[in-house]
Amino acid sequence: MILKGSQRAGGIQLANHLMNDADNDHVTLHEVRGFMADDLHGAMKEAHAISRGTKRCRQFLFSLSLNPPERARVTVAEFEEGIAKIEDRLGLSGQPRAIVFHEKEARRHCHAVWLRVDTSKMRAINLPYFKSKLRDQSRELFLEHGWRLPKGLANTKDRDPLNYGLPEWQQSKRAGVDPRAMKALVQRCWNRCDDVKSFQSALEQNGLLLAKGDRRGYLAVDWQDNVYAVSRWAGVSAKDVREKLGKPDNLPTVEDAKAILTRKIDKDLQRRQDEQASTLERAEGEFLKRLHNMRRQQREARNALARAQEKQRRVTIRRHAALLPTGLKAIWFRLTGKYDKNKQQIEQATQKQLLAHAQEREALIRRQLLERQALQHDRRLFREQAEIRLTEIRAALAGLRLQSPQSHCHKSRRTRLQ
């Protein structure tokens, strides 16, 4: 599993995020341990109140996400086993914690949150080198389950350069583009260039204009008025950008670049762009409609199963209660040892029923994940086709010889000097 952890405060904000069932297909609060409250928001309020009793602890929570490979089948018990190993490795064993399961885009992952405050001493638990410890534990989990070890986990120098973070995902979602495809495009342009002119030319060949930002940074602008920070999308530091490209003084501003692109787009290209945007909007609307219906049906099925299992559990409790006598008969049963024997049989039957119910829930979740995977597959195919059409539009736009006013002036000046 890929493990990502952080020390943090903001318990209520974290609870809002973890219990958000609008952006997730399904959210399950699996466990709340060591808190008086039995809900996540209440537990986070308790955690904050406890932290106020310390002298300097501000980041009173440790938040962890556990992400298995996309096609891996990980049971709840395996998630729990992994969490137990992690908390033992970090020195958080026995600390109050909460576990939440998320299902999103046909994948199930897990979040765990611990209270970092040792209530017996009212001091924060120090977590030295937790990132390296999580990396080591992640490698062990991959090897234990026989999963293919990602190159970046085997050697941090081999990390996938196309991996993107939350800011890139949010921006690409708003822009309606594939974040990996856009990141690959900007990185190709970056790797091909030696200076600002060659980088500018490489971007223009892909329908992008290089511009300067308000803070003297480098930005790339597309014909849809989307703006991309070069350092972030090229996967390099701002210092590397400055060393290779120098100062962006001679570049157009973002608004000027947008105006250039608007003037260059002819009627045919504008029509193709509008058709592409309309197609994407219709497809996204159809996908969201299908996803909404699927979520509703799956949640109804889970609620129905929960009600049926609760009914079975109550019937079992009444039947077991009848096996334990009361009054004088109970005294006789205790003296003869029958009471302990019956109690042991009841406990075994209860555990057997709990296990059967857990397996039944797991089987339902598996079936529903397969349904979601089919829907996600259809969406992925459409997005790949849409990316091809976007590439064609970029190529057509690049054929219009994009140039900023500054570069045009420099070219004219060189011509006069010659």
Protein backbone atom coordinates (compact mmCIF):
# COMPACT_ATOMS: atom_id res chain seq x y z
CA MET A 1 0.00 0.00 0.00
CA ILE A 2 1.06 3.58 -0.58
CA LEU A 3 1.15 5.26 2.83
CA LYS A 4 0.91 9.03 3.27
CA GLY A 5 0.86 10.53 6.74
CA SER A 6 0.99 13.96 8.33
CA GLN A 7 0.83 15.64 11.72
CA ARG A 8 -1.97 18.16 11.76
CA ALA A 9 -4.61 20.09 13.65
CA GLY A 10 -8.03 21.06 12.30
CA GLY A 11 -9.96 18.03 13.52
CA ILE A 12 -13.37 19.28 12.41
CA GLN A 13 -12.11 20.07 8.91
CA LEU A 14 -10.57 16.60 8.76
CA ALA A 15 -13.83 15.00 9.90
CA ASN A 16 -15.74 16.95 7.24
CA HIS A 17 -13.33 15.71 4.59
CA LEU A 18 -13.34 12.08 5.72
CA MET A 19 -17.13 11.87 6.02
CA ASN A 20 -17.76 13.62 2.68
CA ASP A 21 -20.06 11.31 0.70
CA ALA A 22 -20.52 13.79 -2.17
CA ASP A 23 -17.05 13.27 -3.67
CA ASN A 24 -16.88 9.59 -2.65
CA ASP A 25 -19.14 6.79 -3.81
CA HIS A 26 -19.31 5.29 -0.32
CA VAL A 27 -18.00 6.36 3.09
CA THR A 28 -17.92 3.97 6.05
CA LEU A 29 -16.93 4.93 9.59
CA HIS A 30 -15.40 1.59 10.52
CA GLU A 31 -14.08 2.24 14.03
CA VAL A 32 -13.87 4.87 16.75
CA ARG A 33 -11.60 3.65 19.55
CA GLY A 34 -10.63 5.30 22.81
CA PHE A 35 -13.02 8.26 22.59
CA MET A 36 -16.22 8.88 24.52
CA ALA A 37 -18.03 9.81 21.30
CA ASP A 38 -19.02 7.17 18.77
CA ASP A 39 -18.98 9.55 15.78
CA LEU A 40 -15.99 11.12 14.03
CA HIS A 41 -16.91 14.76 14.60
CA GLY A 42 -17.41 14.12 18.31
CA ALA A 43 -14.10 12.27 18.51
CA MET A 44 -12.25 15.15 16.82
CA LYS A 45 -13.80 17.63 19.27
CA GLU A 46 -12.57 15.46 22.15
CA ALA A 47 -9.10 15.31 20.60
CA HIS A 48 -8.97 19.09 20.38
CA ALA A 49 -10.17 19.49 23.97
CA ILE A 50 -7.48 17.08 25.19
CA SER A 51 -4.79 18.97 23.26
CA ARG A 52 -5.69 22.17 25.10
CA GLY A 53 -4.49 20.52 28.28
CA THR A 54 -0.93 20.33 26.92
CA LYS A 55 1.52 23.19 26.95
CA ARG A 56 2.57 23.46 23.31
CA CYS A 57 0.95 20.70 21.25
CA ARG A 58 -0.76 22.25 18.22
CA GLN A 59 -0.65 19.39 15.73
CA PHE A 60 -2.50 16.98 17.98
CA LEU A 61 -3.53 14.50 15.27
CA PHE A 62 -1.69 12.08 13.03
CA SER A 63 -3.57 11.40 9.81
CA LEU A 64 -2.72 8.47 7.55
CA SER A 65 -4.07 7.28 4.20
CA LEU A 66 -3.59 3.70 2.98
CA ASN A 67 -3.93 3.23 -0.80
CA PRO A 68 -3.54 -0.30 -2.21
CA PRO A 69 -2.84 -0.91 -5.91
CA GLU A 70 -5.79 -0.26 -8.23
CA ARG A 71 -6.75 -3.89 -8.87
CA ALA A 72 -5.73 -5.31 -5.49
CA ARG A 73 -8.37 -7.07 -3.40
CA VAL A 74 -7.71 -6.02 0.19
CA THR A 75 -10.06 -7.15 2.94
CA VAL A 76 -11.02 -5.10 5.98
CA ALA A 77 -8.98 -7.47 8.16
CA GLU A 78 -5.89 -6.86 6.01
CA PHE A 79 -6.36 -3.10 6.31
CA GLU A 80 -6.66 -3.49 10.10
CA GLU A 81 -3.54 -5.63 10.22
CA GLY A 82 -1.61 -3.03 8.24
CA ILE A 83 -2.82 -0.22 10.52
CA ALA A 84 -1.77 -2.21 13.60
CA LYS A 85 1.76 -2.63 12.21
CA ILE A 86 2.00 1.05 11.36
CA GLU A 87 0.88 2.31 14.76
CA ASP A 88 3.29 -0.07 16.47
CA ARG A 89 6.12 1.17 14.27
CA LEU A 90 5.32 4.82 14.95
CA GLY A 91 4.80 4.38 18.69
CA LEU A 92 1.04 5.05 18.60
CA SER A 93 -0.14 1.69 19.94
CA GLY A 94 -3.14 2.06 22.24
CA GLN A 95 -3.76 5.68 21.27
CA PRO A 96 -7.36 6.74 20.55
CA ARG A 97 -8.01 6.39 16.84
CA ALA A 98 -10.65 6.36 14.12
CA ILE A 99 -10.75 4.39 10.85
CA VAL A 100 -12.75 5.44 7.79
CA PHE A 101 -13.12 3.60 4.47
CA HIS A 102 -13.62 5.44 1.18
CA GLU A 103 -14.70 4.02 -2.17
CA LYS A 104 -14.05 6.28 -5.13
CA GLU A 105 -13.57 5.66 -8.85
CA ALA A 106 -13.86 1.89 -8.35
CA ARG A 107 -11.12 1.82 -5.70
CA ARG A 108 -11.30 1.35 -1.95
CA HIS A 109 -8.81 3.02 0.34
CA CYS A 110 -8.61 3.69 4.04
CA HIS A 111 -7.92 6.62 6.39
CA ALA A 112 -6.77 6.32 10.00
CA VAL A 113 -6.47 9.17 12.49
CA TRP A 114 -4.72 8.97 15.86
CA LEU A 115 -4.60 11.32 18.84
CA ARG A 116 -0.94 12.24 19.35
CA VAL A 117 -1.36 13.26 22.98
CA ASP A 118 -0.33 10.81 25.69
CA THR A 119 -3.15 11.46 28.18
CA SER A 120 -1.25 9.89 31.10
CA LYS A 121 1.49 12.52 30.77
CA MET A 122 -0.45 15.18 28.84
CA ARG A 123 2.39 15.46 26.38
CA ALA A 124 2.54 15.05 22.61
CA ILE A 125 4.03 11.79 21.32
CA ASN A 126 7.08 12.55 19.21
CA LEU A 127 7.09 10.90 15.77
CA PRO A 128 10.67 11.17 14.49
CA TYR A 129 11.37 10.15 10.88
CA PHE A 130 7.76 9.06 10.36
CA LYS A 131 8.01 9.54 6.58
CA SER A 132 10.91 7.13 6.22
CA LYS A 133 9.20 4.67 8.58
CA LEU A 134 6.03 4.80 6.47
CA ARG A 135 8.09 4.26 3.32
CA ASP A 136 9.72 1.17 4.84
CA GLN A 137 6.39 -0.17 6.05
CA SER A 138 4.88 0.44 2.61
CA ARG A 139 7.61 -1.63 0.96
CA GLU A 140 7.00 -4.47 3.42
CA LEU A 141 3.25 -4.45 2.72
CA PHE A 142 3.86 -4.63 -1.03
CA LEU A 143 6.20 -7.58 -0.58
CA GLU A 144 3.91 -9.38 1.90
CA HIS A 145 0.94 -9.23 -0.50
CA GLY A 146 2.98 -10.07 -3.58
CA TRP A 147 2.15 -6.78 -5.30
CA ARG A 148 4.41 -5.28 -7.91
CA LEU A 149 6.61 -2.74 -6.16
CA PRO A 150 6.38 0.74 -7.73
CA LYS A 151 9.72 2.02 -9.01
CA GLY A 152 9.46 5.16 -6.93
CA LEU A 153 8.98 3.10 -3.79
CA ALA A 154 11.90 0.81 -4.55
CA ASN A 155 14.09 3.84 -5.29
CA THR A 156 12.90 7.40 -4.72
CA LYS A 157 15.03 8.54 -7.68
CA ASP A 158 12.81 6.45 -10.01
CA ARG A 159 9.52 8.07 -9.02
CA ASP A 160 7.01 8.44 -11.85
CA PRO A 161 7.47 12.01 -13.16
CA LEU A 162 3.83 12.06 -14.26
CA ASN A 163 2.49 11.66 -10.73
CA TYR A 164 0.44 14.67 -9.76
CA GLY A 165 -0.75 16.17 -6.50
CA LEU A 166 -3.99 17.67 -5.28
CA PRO A 167 -3.46 21.13 -6.87
CA GLU A 168 -2.82 19.62 -10.33
CA TRP A 169 -5.82 17.30 -9.98
CA GLN A 170 -8.12 20.13 -8.96
CA GLN A 171 -6.95 22.35 -11.80
CA SER A 172 -7.25 19.63 -14.44
CA LYS A 173 -10.71 18.76 -13.16
CA ARG A 174 -11.82 22.38 -13.63
CA ALA A 175 -10.17 22.55 -17.06
CA GLY A 176 -11.54 19.22 -18.25
CA VAL A 177 -8.10 17.81 -19.19
CA ASP A 178 -6.20 14.66 -18.27
CA PRO A 179 -3.60 15.73 -15.65
CA ARG A 180 -1.13 13.02 -16.66
CA ALA A 181 -1.39 13.93 -20.36
CA MET A 182 -0.94 17.65 -19.66
CA LYS A 183 1.99 17.00 -17.34
CA ALA A 184 3.62 14.77 -19.96
CA LEU A 185 3.18 17.50 -22.59
CA VAL A 186 4.81 20.23 -20.47
CA GLN A 187 7.64 17.89 -19.43
CA ARG A 188 8.37 16.97 -23.06
CA CYS A 189 8.62 20.65 -23.93
CA TRP A 190 10.82 21.30 -20.91
CA ASN A 191 13.21 18.43 -21.65
CA ARG A 192 13.59 19.50 -25.28
CA CYS A 193 14.57 23.10 -24.51
CA ASP A 194 17.86 24.76 -23.64
CA ASP A 195 16.65 28.30 -23.08
CA VAL A 196 13.54 30.43 -22.97
CA LYS A 197 13.24 30.73 -26.78
CA SER A 198 13.38 26.99 -27.43
CA PHE A 199 10.95 26.34 -24.58
CA GLN A 200 8.59 28.99 -25.93
CA SER A 201 8.78 27.41 -29.39
CA ALA A 202 8.15 23.89 -28.02
CA LEU A 203 5.06 25.09 -26.18
CA GLU A 204 3.75 26.94 -29.23
CA GLN A 205 4.05 23.75 -31.28
CA ASN A 206 1.55 22.26 -28.86
CA GLY A 207 -0.86 25.21 -28.84
CA LEU A 208 0.41 26.80 -25.62
CA LEU A 209 1.82 30.26 -25.05
CA LEU A 210 4.52 31.06 -22.51
CA ALA A 211 3.66 34.04 -20.28
CA LYS A 212 4.91 35.80 -17.17
CA GLY A 213 3.00 35.78 -13.92
CA ASP A 214 2.41 38.51 -11.37
CA ARG A 215 5.30 37.19 -9.26
CA ARG A 216 7.75 37.04 -12.17
CA GLY A 217 7.17 33.33 -12.62
CA TYR A 218 6.69 31.38 -15.84
CA LEU A 219 3.21 30.27 -16.88
CA ALA A 220 1.76 28.38 -19.85
CA VAL A 221 -1.63 29.44 -21.26
CA ASP A 222 -3.88 27.34 -23.52
CA TRP A 223 -6.65 28.40 -25.87
CA GLN A 224 -9.28 27.61 -23.22
CA ASP A 225 -7.79 30.31 -20.95
CA ASN A 226 -6.36 27.70 -18.57
CA VAL A 227 -3.09 28.74 -16.90
CA TYR A 228 -0.42 26.23 -15.84
CA ALA A 229 2.57 26.99 -13.59
CA VAL A 230 5.64 25.75 -15.48
CA SER A 231 7.61 24.58 -12.43
CA ARG A 232 4.69 22.55 -11.08
CA TRP A 233 3.68 20.91 -14.35
CA ALA A 234 7.24 20.33 -15.53
CA GLY A 235 8.06 18.71 -12.21
CA VAL A 236 11.04 20.94 -11.46
CA SER A 237 11.82 23.57 -8.87
CA ALA A 238 11.29 27.29 -9.39
CA LYS A 239 15.07 27.69 -9.04
CA ASP A 240 15.68 25.29 -11.94
CA VAL A 241 13.24 27.27 -14.07
CA ARG A 242 15.01 30.55 -13.32
CA GLU A 243 18.42 29.07 -14.05
CA LYS A 244 17.37 27.68 -17.44
CA LEU A 245 15.00 30.40 -18.65
CA GLY A 246 16.27 33.53 -16.89
CA LYS A 247 13.91 36.43 -16.24
CA PRO A 248 10.49 36.50 -17.96
CA ASP A 249 10.63 40.24 -18.66
CA ASN A 250 10.16 39.95 -22.44
CA LEU A 251 7.16 37.61 -22.25
CA PRO A 252 3.52 38.68 -22.53
CA THR A 253 1.32 38.78 -19.47
CA VAL A 254 -1.34 36.15 -18.97
CA GLU A 255 -4.05 38.50 -20.24
CA ASP A 256 -1.99 39.37 -23.33
CA ALA A 257 -1.39 35.68 -24.04
CA LYS A 258 -5.12 34.96 -23.78
CA ALA A 259 -5.82 37.83 -26.20
CA ILE A 260 -3.24 36.48 -28.69
CA LEU A 261 -4.82 33.03 -28.60
CA THR A 262 -8.30 34.49 -29.02
CA ARG A 263 -7.24 36.45 -32.13
CA LYS A 264 -5.49 33.47 -33.68
CA ILE A 265 -8.40 31.07 -33.38
CA ASP A 266 -10.24 31.05 -36.71
CA LYS A 267 -13.90 30.14 -37.23
CA ASP A 268 -13.24 26.48 -38.05
CA LEU A 269 -11.03 26.02 -35.00
CA GLN A 270 -13.54 27.85 -32.83
CA ARG A 271 -16.29 25.54 -34.08
CA ARG A 272 -14.18 22.46 -33.31
CA GLN A 273 -13.38 23.83 -29.90
CA ASP A 274 -17.06 24.51 -29.14
CA GLU A 275 -18.03 21.04 -30.36
CA GLN A 276 -15.34 19.47 -28.17
CA ALA A 277 -16.49 21.45 -25.12
CA SER A 278 -20.12 20.55 -25.80
CA THR A 279 -19.26 16.86 -26.24
CA LEU A 280 -17.28 16.81 -23.01
CA GLU A 281 -20.09 18.54 -21.14
CA ARG A 282 -22.73 16.09 -22.42
CA ALA A 283 -20.53 13.07 -21.68
CA GLU A 284 -19.73 14.32 -18.19
CA GLY A 285 -23.41 14.94 -17.52
CA GLU A 286 -24.31 11.43 -18.69
CA PHE A 287 -21.54 9.92 -16.57
CA LEU A 288 -22.64 11.82 -13.47
CA LYS A 289 -26.23 10.71 -14.05
CA ARG A 290 -25.20 7.06 -14.31
CA LEU A 291 -22.92 7.45 -11.30
CA HIS A 292 -25.69 9.04 -9.23
CA ASN A 293 -28.08 6.18 -10.04
CA MET A 294 -25.42 3.59 -9.28
CA ARG A 295 -24.56 5.20 -5.94
CA ARG A 296 -28.23 5.33 -4.95
CA GLN A 297 -28.85 1.67 -5.87
CA GLN A 298 -25.68 0.48 -4.15
CA ARG A 299 -26.40 2.42 -0.98
CA GLU A 300 -29.93 1.03 -0.89
CA ALA A 301 -28.54 -2.49 -1.27
CA ARG A 302 -26.09 -1.94 1.60
CA ASN A 303 -28.77 -0.49 3.84
CA ALA A 304 -31.06 -3.42 3.05
CA LEU A 305 -28.29 -5.89 3.92
CA ALA A 306 -27.56 -4.03 7.17
CA ARG A 307 -31.24 -4.16 8.18
CA ALA A 308 -31.47 -7.87 7.38
CA GLN A 309 -28.31 -8.64 9.36
CA GLU A 310 -29.53 -6.59 12.32
CA LYS A 311 -32.81 -8.54 12.29
CA GLN A 312 -30.91 -11.84 12.25
CA ARG A 313 -28.70 -10.64 15.10
CA ARG A 314 -31.70 -9.79 17.29
CA VAL A 315 -33.30 -13.17 16.62
CA THR A 316 -30.05 -14.86 17.56
CA ILE A 317 -29.77 -12.84 20.77
CA ARG A 318 -33.26 -13.89 21.87
CA ARG A 319 -32.53 -17.54 21.07
CA HIS A 320 -29.26 -17.44 22.99
CA ALA A 321 -30.92 -15.74 25.96
CA ALA A 322 -33.28 -18.70 26.23
CA LEU A 323 -30.32 -21.03 26.64
CA LEU A 324 -29.20 -19.30 29.86
CA PRO A 325 -31.59 -20.08 32.72
CA THR A 326 -32.37 -17.76 35.60
CA GLY A 327 -33.21 -18.26 39.28
CA LEU A 328 -32.50 -21.55 41.01
CA LYS A 329 -31.98 -23.30 37.70
CA ALA A 330 -29.15 -20.92 36.89
CA ILE A 331 -27.48 -21.76 40.23
CA TRP A 332 -27.76 -25.48 39.43
CA PHE A 333 -26.31 -24.90 35.93
CA ARG A 334 -23.36 -23.03 37.45
CA LEU A 335 -22.70 -25.79 39.95
CA THR A 336 -22.79 -28.49 37.28
CA GLY A 337 -20.72 -26.46 34.76
CA LYS A 338 -23.52 -26.31 32.16
CA TYR A 339 -23.77 -22.53 32.44
CA ASP A 340 -20.15 -21.93 31.36
CA LYS A 341 -20.50 -24.53 28.64
CA ASN A 342 -23.63 -22.89 27.22
CA LYS A 343 -22.01 -19.46 27.50
CA GLN A 344 -19.00 -20.66 25.55
CA GLN A 345 -21.23 -22.14 22.85
CA ILE A 346 -23.13 -18.82 22.60
CA GLU A 347 -19.89 -16.85 22.23
CA GLN A 348 -18.66 -19.19 19.51
CA ALA A 349 -21.98 -18.96 17.65
CA THR A 350 -21.94 -15.16 17.96
CA GLN A 351 -18.44 -14.91 16.54
CA LYS A 352 -19.39 -17.26 13.72
CA GLN A 353 -22.39 -15.08 12.85
CA LEU A 354 -20.31 -11.89 12.97
CA LEU A 355 -17.78 -13.46 10.62
CA ALA A 356 -20.53 -14.62 8.25
CA HIS A 357 -22.07 -11.14 8.22
CA ALA A 358 -18.67 -9.54 7.54
CA GLN A 359 -18.06 -11.93 4.64
CA GLU A 360 -21.53 -11.16 3.28
CA ARG A 361 -20.84 -7.42 3.39
CA GLU A 362 -17.44 -7.92 1.78
CA ALA A 363 -18.97 -9.96 -1.06
CA LEU A 364 -21.53 -7.22 -1.71
CA ILE A 365 -18.81 -4.56 -1.77
CA ARG A 366 -16.78 -6.65 -4.23
CA ARG A 367 -19.73 -6.94 -6.61
CA GLN A 368 -20.39 -3.22 -6.40
CA LEU A 369 -16.74 -2.36 -7.02
CA LEU A 370 -16.84 -4.45 -10.19
CA GLU A 371 -19.93 -2.52 -11.32
CA ARG A 372 -18.13 0.74 -10.65
CA GLN A 373 -15.03 -0.46 -12.49
CA ALA A 374 -17.09 -1.05 -15.64
CA LEU A 375 -18.45 2.50 -15.45
CA GLN A 376 -14.97 3.90 -14.81
CA HIS A 377 -13.60 1.94 -17.79
CA ASP A 378 -16.15 3.55 -20.11
CA ARG A 379 -15.22 6.99 -18.80
CA ARG A 380 -11.50 6.33 -19.22
CA LEU A 381 -11.96 5.27 -22.85
CA PHE A 382 -13.95 8.40 -23.63
CA ARG A 383 -11.34 10.62 -22.00
CA GLU A 384 -8.57 8.99 -24.01
CA GLN A 385 -10.51 9.72 -27.21
CA ALA A 386 -11.16 13.28 -26.02
CA GLU A 387 -7.43 13.76 -25.39
CA ILE A 388 -6.72 12.73 -28.99
CA ARG A 389 -9.15 15.37 -30.23
CA LEU A 390 -7.59 17.95 -27.92
CA THR A 391 -4.17 17.10 -29.36
CA GLU A 392 -5.52 17.68 -32.86
CA ILE A 393 -6.88 21.08 -31.84
CA ARG A 394 -3.53 22.00 -30.28
CA ALA A 395 -1.74 20.97 -33.48
CA ALA A 396 -4.11 23.09 -35.58
CA LEU A 397 -3.60 26.03 -33.26
CA ALA A 398 0.18 25.58 -33.40
CA GLY A 399 -0.04 25.77 -37.21
CA LEU A 400 -1.31 29.32 -36.91
CA ARG A 401 2.23 30.49 -36.00
CA LEU A 402 1.57 31.76 -32.50
CA GLN A 403 3.79 34.66 -31.57
CA SER A 404 3.74 37.15 -28.76
CA PRO A 405 4.00 40.86 -29.66
CA GLN A 406 7.45 41.01 -28.08
CA SER A 407 8.87 38.15 -30.13
CA HIS A 408 7.37 39.68 -33.29
CA CYS A 409 9.05 43.00 -32.52
CA HIS A 410 12.40 41.32 -31.93
CA LYS A 411 12.09 39.47 -35.24
CA SER A 412 11.26 42.66 -37.16
CA ARG A 413 14.22 44.42 -35.54
CA ARG A 414 16.59 41.66 -36.58
CA THR A 415 15.25 41.88 -40.15
CA ARG A 416 15.94 45.63 -40.30
CA LEU A 417 19.46 45.19 -38.95
CA GLN A 418 20.20 42.61 -41.62
